[in-house]
Amino acid sequence: MLFNLKKFVSFFLEPFTFGFLVLLLAFIFLLFNSYKKAKSILFVGLIFLFLISNSLFSNFLISPLENQYKDQKNIDISKVEYILLLGGDFEARAYEVLKLSLRLKDAKIITSGYAGKKLISDALYAKNELISLGVNENRIIMQDKPKDTIEEAISIKKLINDKPFILVTSAYHMPRAMKIFQKQGLNPIAMSTDFTSKKQKSNSYLSIKELKKVTMAIHEYIGLAWIKIKEIFN
């Protein structure tokens, strides 16, 4: 119930949905011959589109998320027993997992994530890809039931209890992931990857890439706000 409610709220607060609603509202005013109102709404929509699809704004939103766990490379990881790869964008996170697997040759790798509408789960996909990249299959543990980060944290708590582990996920997602895992009494070592807000030589405008970054950032801020709301009502 809560999972579906969160998804519903997130959907209506994301830029793509907002843009669609602006166009729909303008179209409704056109149907009723309110041309001035339709033009005004379309003008606001264009300004909004320009704002959310340029690198200055996208980096402004996503940098505070990505920089929270940026400098974690000098932390002692010698006692780590598990490397947890959260479900999602495997290609963006795989390099970090491979590096860690070479440094920590005895550590188990946990792949996580459910299938949803896909043919195979994120956990199975990640497992197969890691094996193809040379990781021994015996090192990999799958958790293919969790649907989101909260369920992943609950599942990992049951699996490894308080054993030391590294959490690998995209930099923009790490702050929310860490809060969720800490609420389960876990204290993972954060290893962020897939930084998107690195310095650029020039600013990008009307870019799908920047629009995607804004969408990701807003999704994370909604998730962080959701955690706060649950704290208040619990």
C-alpha atoms as a PDB file:
ATOM      1  CA  MET A   1       0.000   0.000   0.000  1.00  0.00           C
ATOM      2  CA  LEU A   2       2.685   2.510   1.068  1.00  0.00           C
ATOM      3  CA  PHE A   3       4.906   1.423  -1.827  1.00  0.00           C
ATOM      4  CA  ASN A   4       2.147   2.124  -4.369  1.00  0.00           C
ATOM      5  CA  LEU A   5       1.244   5.446  -2.717  1.00  0.00           C
ATOM      6  CA  LYS A   6       4.863   6.612  -2.873  1.00  0.00           C
ATOM      7  CA  LYS A   7       5.047   5.678  -6.562  1.00  0.00           C
ATOM      8  CA  PHE A   8       1.799   7.556  -7.248  1.00  0.00           C
ATOM      9  CA  VAL A   9       3.012  10.742  -5.527  1.00  0.00           C
ATOM     10  CA  SER A  10       6.415  10.529  -7.242  1.00  0.00           C
ATOM     11  CA  PHE A  11       4.767  10.185 -10.647  1.00  0.00           C
ATOM     12  CA  PHE A  12       2.789  13.423 -10.300  1.00  0.00           C
ATOM     13  CA  LEU A  13       5.739  15.430  -8.977  1.00  0.00           C
ATOM     14  CA  GLU A  14       8.221  14.472 -11.680  1.00  0.00           C
ATOM     15  CA  PRO A  15       9.069  16.908 -14.539  1.00  0.00           C
ATOM     16  CA  PHE A  16       7.703  14.777 -17.386  1.00  0.00           C
ATOM     17  CA  THR A  17       4.320  14.510 -15.702  1.00  0.00           C
ATOM     18  CA  PHE A  18       4.263  18.222 -14.858  1.00  0.00           C
ATOM     19  CA  GLY A  19       5.087  19.118 -18.458  1.00  0.00           C
ATOM     20  CA  PHE A  20       2.312  16.862 -19.745  1.00  0.00           C
ATOM     21  CA  LEU A  21      -0.199  18.455 -17.356  1.00  0.00           C
ATOM     22  CA  VAL A  22       0.828  21.941 -18.550  1.00  0.00           C
ATOM     23  CA  LEU A  23       0.214  20.929 -22.176  1.00  0.00           C
ATOM     24  CA  LEU A  24      -3.091  19.317 -21.247  1.00  0.00           C
ATOM     25  CA  LEU A  25      -4.227  22.452 -19.421  1.00  0.00           C
ATOM     26  CA  ALA A  26      -3.253  24.652 -22.379  1.00  0.00           C
ATOM     27  CA  PHE A  27      -5.181  22.350 -24.729  1.00  0.00           C
ATOM     28  CA  ILE A  28      -8.285  22.572 -22.507  1.00  0.00           C
ATOM     29  CA  PHE A  29      -8.158  26.383 -22.617  1.00  0.00           C
ATOM     30  CA  LEU A  30      -7.828  26.242 -26.409  1.00  0.00           C
ATOM     31  CA  LEU A  31     -10.959  24.087 -26.598  1.00  0.00           C
ATOM     32  CA  PHE A  32     -12.828  26.812 -24.725  1.00  0.00           C
ATOM     33  CA  ASN A  33     -11.338  29.567 -26.933  1.00  0.00           C
ATOM     34  CA  SER A  34      -9.304  31.020 -24.059  1.00  0.00           C
ATOM     35  CA  TYR A  35      -6.313  31.756 -26.295  1.00  0.00           C
ATOM     36  CA  LYS A  36      -4.585  34.227 -23.976  1.00  0.00           C
ATOM     37  CA  LYS A  37      -4.645  31.799 -21.073  1.00  0.00           C
ATOM     38  CA  ALA A  38      -3.452  28.982 -23.317  1.00  0.00           C
ATOM     39  CA  LYS A  39      -0.538  31.124 -24.564  1.00  0.00           C
ATOM     40  CA  SER A  40       0.385  32.116 -21.008  1.00  0.00           C
ATOM     41  CA  ILE A  41       0.375  28.514 -19.849  1.00  0.00           C
ATOM     42  CA  LEU A  42       2.453  27.411 -22.851  1.00  0.00           C
ATOM     43  CA  PHE A  43       4.938  30.226 -22.170  1.00  0.00           C
ATOM     44  CA  VAL A  44       5.295  29.069 -18.552  1.00  0.00           C
ATOM     45  CA  GLY A  45       5.720  25.516 -19.820  1.00  0.00           C
ATOM     46  CA  LEU A  46       8.526  26.542 -22.193  1.00  0.00           C
ATOM     47  CA  ILE A  47      10.342  28.439 -19.426  1.00  0.00           C
ATOM     48  CA  PHE A  48       9.974  25.387 -17.186  1.00  0.00           C
ATOM     49  CA  LEU A  49      11.327  23.111 -19.938  1.00  0.00           C
ATOM     50  CA  PHE A  50      14.320  25.392 -20.519  1.00  0.00           C
ATOM     51  CA  LEU A  51      15.050  25.498 -16.783  1.00  0.00           C
ATOM     52  CA  ILE A  52      14.934  21.767 -16.112  1.00  0.00           C
ATOM     53  CA  SER A  53      16.848  20.746 -19.237  1.00  0.00           C
ATOM     54  CA  ASN A  54      20.060  22.735 -18.722  1.00  0.00           C
ATOM     55  CA  SER A  55      23.173  21.607 -16.891  1.00  0.00           C
ATOM     56  CA  LEU A  56      23.358  24.579 -14.506  1.00  0.00           C
ATOM     57  CA  PHE A  57      20.028  23.671 -12.945  1.00  0.00           C
ATOM     58  CA  SER A  58      20.484  19.890 -13.077  1.00  0.00           C
ATOM     59  CA  ASN A  59      23.891  20.082 -11.376  1.00  0.00           C
ATOM     60  CA  PHE A  60      22.517  22.533  -8.804  1.00  0.00           C
ATOM     61  CA  LEU A  61      19.900  19.938  -7.851  1.00  0.00           C
ATOM     62  CA  ILE A  62      21.936  16.751  -8.005  1.00  0.00           C
ATOM     63  CA  SER A  63      25.346  17.898  -6.668  1.00  0.00           C
ATOM     64  CA  PRO A  64      24.277  18.095  -2.984  1.00  0.00           C
ATOM     65  CA  LEU A  65      23.161  14.473  -3.222  1.00  0.00           C
ATOM     66  CA  GLU A  66      26.255  13.208  -5.001  1.00  0.00           C
ATOM     67  CA  ASN A  67      28.777  15.024  -2.809  1.00  0.00           C
ATOM     68  CA  GLN A  68      27.594  13.636   0.545  1.00  0.00           C
ATOM     69  CA  TYR A  69      29.561  10.401   0.167  1.00  0.00           C
ATOM     70  CA  LYS A  70      32.110  11.504  -2.399  1.00  0.00           C
ATOM     71  CA  ASP A  71      35.374  10.940  -0.489  1.00  0.00           C
ATOM     72  CA  GLN A  72      35.109   7.379   0.813  1.00  0.00           C
ATOM     73  CA  LYS A  73      38.086   5.836  -0.958  1.00  0.00           C
ATOM     74  CA  ASN A  74      40.509   5.967   2.007  1.00  0.00           C
ATOM     75  CA  ILE A  75      38.262   4.071   4.431  1.00  0.00           C
ATOM     76  CA  ASP A  76      39.585   0.759   5.760  1.00  0.00           C
ATOM     77  CA  ILE A  77      37.636  -2.036   4.064  1.00  0.00           C
ATOM     78  CA  SER A  78      39.896  -4.948   5.011  1.00  0.00           C
ATOM     79  CA  LYS A  79      37.279  -6.543   7.291  1.00  0.00           C
ATOM     80  CA  VAL A  80      34.404  -6.307   4.824  1.00  0.00           C
ATOM     81  CA  GLU A  81      32.635  -9.622   4.218  1.00  0.00           C
ATOM     82  CA  TYR A  82      29.984  -8.573   1.699  1.00  0.00           C
ATOM     83  CA  ILE A  83      29.651  -6.203  -1.243  1.00  0.00           C
ATOM     84  CA  LEU A  84      26.040  -5.210  -1.879  1.00  0.00           C
ATOM     85  CA  LEU A  85      25.115  -4.001  -5.352  1.00  0.00           C
ATOM     86  CA  LEU A  86      21.722  -2.322  -5.251  1.00  0.00           C
ATOM     87  CA  GLY A  87      19.269  -3.029  -8.050  1.00  0.00           C
ATOM     88  CA  GLY A  88      19.044  -0.563 -10.890  1.00  0.00           C
ATOM     89  CA  ASP A  89      21.565   0.713 -13.413  1.00  0.00           C
ATOM     90  CA  PHE A  90      24.061  -2.167 -13.477  1.00  0.00           C
ATOM     91  CA  GLU A  91      26.282  -0.751 -16.226  1.00  0.00           C
ATOM     92  CA  ALA A  92      26.882   2.459 -14.263  1.00  0.00           C
ATOM     93  CA  ARG A  93      27.746   0.588 -11.054  1.00  0.00           C
ATOM     94  CA  ALA A  94      29.540  -2.526 -12.319  1.00  0.00           C
ATOM     95  CA  TYR A  95      33.059  -1.050 -12.488  1.00  0.00           C
ATOM     96  CA  GLU A  96      33.066  -0.209  -8.772  1.00  0.00           C
ATOM     97  CA  VAL A  97      31.879  -3.710  -7.858  1.00  0.00           C
ATOM     98  CA  LEU A  98      34.553  -5.311 -10.036  1.00  0.00           C
ATOM     99  CA  LYS A  99      37.288  -3.177  -8.450  1.00  0.00           C
ATOM    100  CA  LEU A 100      36.103  -4.107  -4.973  1.00  0.00           C
ATOM    101  CA  SER A 101      35.832  -7.790  -5.853  1.00  0.00           C
ATOM    102  CA  LEU A 102      39.501  -7.792  -6.876  1.00  0.00           C
ATOM    103  CA  ARG A 103      40.580  -6.042  -3.663  1.00  0.00           C
ATOM    104  CA  LEU A 104      38.387  -8.190  -1.404  1.00  0.00           C
ATOM    105  CA  LYS A 105      38.860 -11.647  -2.861  1.00  0.00           C
ATOM    106  CA  ASP A 106      37.013 -13.436  -0.031  1.00  0.00           C
ATOM    107  CA  ALA A 107      34.026 -11.089   0.083  1.00  0.00           C
ATOM    108  CA  LYS A 108      30.653 -12.293  -1.163  1.00  0.00           C
ATOM    109  CA  ILE A 109      28.819 -10.137  -3.700  1.00  0.00           C
ATOM    110  CA  ILE A 110      25.091  -9.636  -3.165  1.00  0.00           C
ATOM    111  CA  THR A 111      23.043  -8.636  -6.202  1.00  0.00           C
ATOM    112  CA  SER A 112      19.611  -7.210  -5.512  1.00  0.00           C
ATOM    113  CA  GLY A 113      16.399  -6.138  -7.206  1.00  0.00           C
ATOM    114  CA  TYR A 114      13.151  -7.648  -8.499  1.00  0.00           C
ATOM    115  CA  ALA A 115      11.988  -8.140 -12.076  1.00  0.00           C
ATOM    116  CA  GLY A 116       8.944  -5.890 -12.155  1.00  0.00           C
ATOM    117  CA  LYS A 117       7.764  -5.893 -15.785  1.00  0.00           C
ATOM    118  CA  LYS A 118      11.102  -7.175 -17.093  1.00  0.00           C
ATOM    119  CA  LEU A 119      11.778 -10.766 -18.105  1.00  0.00           C
ATOM    120  CA  ILE A 120      14.457 -11.282 -15.443  1.00  0.00           C
ATOM    121  CA  SER A 121      15.172  -9.607 -12.123  1.00  0.00           C
ATOM    122  CA  ASP A 122      17.858  -6.962 -11.632  1.00  0.00           C
ATOM    123  CA  ALA A 123      19.533  -9.411  -9.255  1.00  0.00           C
ATOM    124  CA  LEU A 124      19.757 -12.170 -11.868  1.00  0.00           C
ATOM    125  CA  TYR A 125      20.829  -9.784 -14.616  1.00  0.00           C
ATOM    126  CA  ALA A 126      23.638  -8.400 -12.434  1.00  0.00           C
ATOM    127  CA  LYS A 127      24.704 -11.915 -11.449  1.00  0.00           C
ATOM    128  CA  ASN A 128      24.909 -13.069 -15.067  1.00  0.00           C
ATOM    129  CA  GLU A 129      26.844  -9.975 -16.106  1.00  0.00           C
ATOM    130  CA  LEU A 130      29.326 -10.279 -13.235  1.00  0.00           C
ATOM    131  CA  ILE A 131      29.946 -13.927 -14.123  1.00  0.00           C
ATOM    132  CA  SER A 132      30.560 -12.934 -17.754  1.00  0.00           C
ATOM    133  CA  LEU A 133      33.108 -10.387 -16.487  1.00  0.00           C
ATOM    134  CA  GLY A 134      35.030 -13.065 -14.624  1.00  0.00           C
ATOM    135  CA  VAL A 135      33.533 -13.117 -11.126  1.00  0.00           C
ATOM    136  CA  ASN A 136      33.234 -16.622  -9.654  1.00  0.00           C
ATOM    137  CA  GLU A 137      29.577 -17.673  -9.470  1.00  0.00           C
ATOM    138  CA  ASN A 138      30.127 -19.113  -5.979  1.00  0.00           C
ATOM    139  CA  ARG A 139      30.824 -15.605  -4.677  1.00  0.00           C
ATOM    140  CA  ILE A 140      27.449 -14.227  -5.751  1.00  0.00           C
ATOM    141  CA  ILE A 141      24.282 -14.223  -3.649  1.00  0.00           C
ATOM    142  CA  MET A 142      20.999 -13.111  -5.228  1.00  0.00           C
ATOM    143  CA  GLN A 143      18.209 -11.187  -3.516  1.00  0.00           C
ATOM    144  CA  ASP A 144      15.525 -10.998  -6.217  1.00  0.00           C
ATOM    145  CA  LYS A 145      12.421 -10.235  -4.144  1.00  0.00           C
ATOM    146  CA  PRO A 146      12.973  -6.628  -2.919  1.00  0.00           C
ATOM    147  CA  LYS A 147      11.037  -4.036  -4.941  1.00  0.00           C
ATOM    148  CA  ASP A 148      12.757  -0.926  -3.581  1.00  0.00           C
ATOM    149  CA  THR A 149      15.612   0.198  -1.329  1.00  0.00           C
ATOM    150  CA  ILE A 150      13.564  -0.217   1.855  1.00  0.00           C
ATOM    151  CA  GLU A 151      12.822  -3.846   1.054  1.00  0.00           C
ATOM    152  CA  GLU A 152      16.464  -4.349   0.054  1.00  0.00           C
ATOM    153  CA  ALA A 153      17.608  -3.103   3.465  1.00  0.00           C
ATOM    154  CA  ILE A 154      15.151  -5.377   5.301  1.00  0.00           C
ATOM    155  CA  SER A 155      16.265  -8.352   3.216  1.00  0.00           C
ATOM    156  CA  ILE A 156      19.971  -7.673   3.798  1.00  0.00           C
ATOM    157  CA  LYS A 157      19.401  -7.276   7.536  1.00  0.00           C
ATOM    158  CA  LYS A 158      17.948 -10.798   7.631  1.00  0.00           C
ATOM    159  CA  LEU A 159      20.727 -12.188   5.457  1.00  0.00           C
ATOM    160  CA  ILE A 160      23.891 -10.785   7.051  1.00  0.00           C
ATOM    161  CA  ASN A 161      22.727  -9.191  10.316  1.00  0.00           C
ATOM    162  CA  ASP A 162      25.527  -6.895  11.560  1.00  0.00           C
ATOM    163  CA  LYS A 163      28.407  -8.234   9.451  1.00  0.00           C
ATOM    164  CA  PRO A 164      30.484  -5.501   7.753  1.00  0.00           C
ATOM    165  CA  PHE A 165      29.551  -4.747   4.164  1.00  0.00           C
ATOM    166  CA  ILE A 166      30.017  -2.207   1.405  1.00  0.00           C
ATOM    167  CA  LEU A 167      27.029  -0.566  -0.246  1.00  0.00           C
ATOM    168  CA  VAL A 168      27.465   0.226  -3.939  1.00  0.00           C
ATOM    169  CA  THR A 169      24.968   2.443  -5.703  1.00  0.00           C
ATOM    170  CA  SER A 170      24.832   5.579  -7.833  1.00  0.00           C
ATOM    171  CA  ALA A 171      26.104   8.705  -6.076  1.00  0.00           C
ATOM    172  CA  TYR A 172      22.789  10.556  -6.343  1.00  0.00           C
ATOM    173  CA  HIS A 173      20.966   7.647  -4.637  1.00  0.00           C
ATOM    174  CA  MET A 174      23.502   7.067  -1.855  1.00  0.00           C
ATOM    175  CA  PRO A 175      22.181   9.584   0.760  1.00  0.00           C
ATOM    176  CA  ARG A 176      18.691   8.057   0.732  1.00  0.00           C
ATOM    177  CA  ALA A 177      20.039   4.507   0.610  1.00  0.00           C
ATOM    178  CA  MET A 178      22.289   5.134   3.625  1.00  0.00           C
ATOM    179  CA  LYS A 179      19.401   6.588   5.652  1.00  0.00           C
ATOM    180  CA  ILE A 180      17.239   3.582   4.841  1.00  0.00           C
ATOM    181  CA  PHE A 181      19.921   1.055   5.786  1.00  0.00           C
ATOM    182  CA  GLN A 182      20.790   2.932   8.980  1.00  0.00           C
ATOM    183  CA  LYS A 183      17.132   2.820  10.006  1.00  0.00           C
ATOM    184  CA  GLN A 184      17.397  -0.969   9.874  1.00  0.00           C
ATOM    185  CA  GLY A 185      20.306  -0.820  12.325  1.00  0.00           C
ATOM    186  CA  LEU A 186      22.877  -1.397   9.596  1.00  0.00           C
ATOM    187  CA  ASN A 187      26.005   0.676   9.076  1.00  0.00           C
ATOM    188  CA  PRO A 188      27.313   0.028   5.567  1.00  0.00           C
ATOM    189  CA  ILE A 189      30.422   1.563   4.058  1.00  0.00           C
ATOM    190  CA  ALA A 190      29.231   3.802   1.234  1.00  0.00           C
ATOM    191  CA  MET A 191      30.994   3.444  -2.106  1.00  0.00           C
ATOM    192  CA  SER A 192      29.358   5.828  -4.540  1.00  0.00           C
ATOM    193  CA  THR A 193      29.712   5.499  -8.279  1.00  0.00           C
ATOM    194  CA  ASP A 194      28.172   6.938 -11.450  1.00  0.00           C
ATOM    195  CA  PHE A 195      28.759  10.623 -10.623  1.00  0.00           C
ATOM    196  CA  THR A 196      26.769  12.805 -13.033  1.00  0.00           C
ATOM    197  CA  SER A 197      27.609  16.311 -11.771  1.00  0.00           C
ATOM    198  CA  LYS A 198      31.279  16.408 -12.721  1.00  0.00           C
ATOM    199  CA  LYS A 199      32.540  19.733 -14.021  1.00  0.00           C
ATOM    200  CA  GLN A 200      31.635  20.375 -17.634  1.00  0.00           C
ATOM    201  CA  LYS A 201      33.565  22.487 -20.133  1.00  0.00           C
ATOM    202  CA  SER A 202      30.368  24.187 -21.245  1.00  0.00           C
ATOM    203  CA  ASN A 203      26.749  24.348 -20.195  1.00  0.00           C
ATOM    204  CA  SER A 204      24.140  22.177 -21.903  1.00  0.00           C
ATOM    205  CA  TYR A 205      20.697  23.507 -22.784  1.00  0.00           C
ATOM    206  CA  LEU A 206      17.532  21.681 -23.826  1.00  0.00           C
ATOM    207  CA  SER A 207      19.302  18.397 -23.142  1.00  0.00           C
ATOM    208  CA  ILE A 208      17.517  15.087 -22.531  1.00  0.00           C
ATOM    209  CA  LYS A 209      20.499  14.036 -20.403  1.00  0.00           C
ATOM    210  CA  GLU A 210      20.082  17.045 -18.083  1.00  0.00           C
ATOM    211  CA  LEU A 211      16.322  16.512 -17.948  1.00  0.00           C
ATOM    212  CA  LYS A 212      16.956  12.941 -16.817  1.00  0.00           C
ATOM    213  CA  LYS A 213      19.317  14.204 -14.082  1.00  0.00           C
ATOM    214  CA  VAL A 214      16.665  16.602 -12.787  1.00  0.00           C
ATOM    215  CA  THR A 215      14.116  13.781 -12.751  1.00  0.00           C
ATOM    216  CA  MET A 216      16.501  11.528 -10.804  1.00  0.00           C
ATOM    217  CA  ALA A 217      17.279  14.282  -8.286  1.00  0.00           C
ATOM    218  CA  ILE A 218      13.615  15.113  -7.698  1.00  0.00           C
ATOM    219  CA  HIS A 219      12.862  11.417  -7.219  1.00  0.00           C
ATOM    220  CA  GLU A 220      15.553  11.242  -4.526  1.00  0.00           C
ATOM    221  CA  TYR A 221      14.364  14.392  -2.752  1.00  0.00           C
ATOM    222  CA  ILE A 222      10.839  12.976  -2.726  1.00  0.00           C
ATOM    223  CA  GLY A 223      12.243   9.768  -1.229  1.00  0.00           C
ATOM    224  CA  LEU A 224      14.125  11.681   1.475  1.00  0.00           C
ATOM    225  CA  ALA A 225      10.995  13.700   2.260  1.00  0.00           C
ATOM    226  CA  TRP A 226       9.028  10.449   2.467  1.00  0.00           C
ATOM    227  CA  ILE A 227      11.448   9.145   5.096  1.00  0.00           C
ATOM    228  CA  LYS A 228      10.906  12.315   7.158  1.00  0.00           C
ATOM    229  CA  ILE A 229       7.122  12.045   6.828  1.00  0.00           C
ATOM    230  CA  LYS A 230       7.191   8.434   8.017  1.00  0.00           C
ATOM    231  CA  GLU A 231       9.317   9.488  11.003  1.00  0.00           C
ATOM    232  CA  ILE A 232       6.726  12.110  11.956  1.00  0.00           C
ATOM    233  CA  PHE A 233       3.756   9.753  11.747  1.00  0.00           C
ATOM    234  CA  ASN A 234       5.523   6.808  13.375  1.00  0.00           C
END
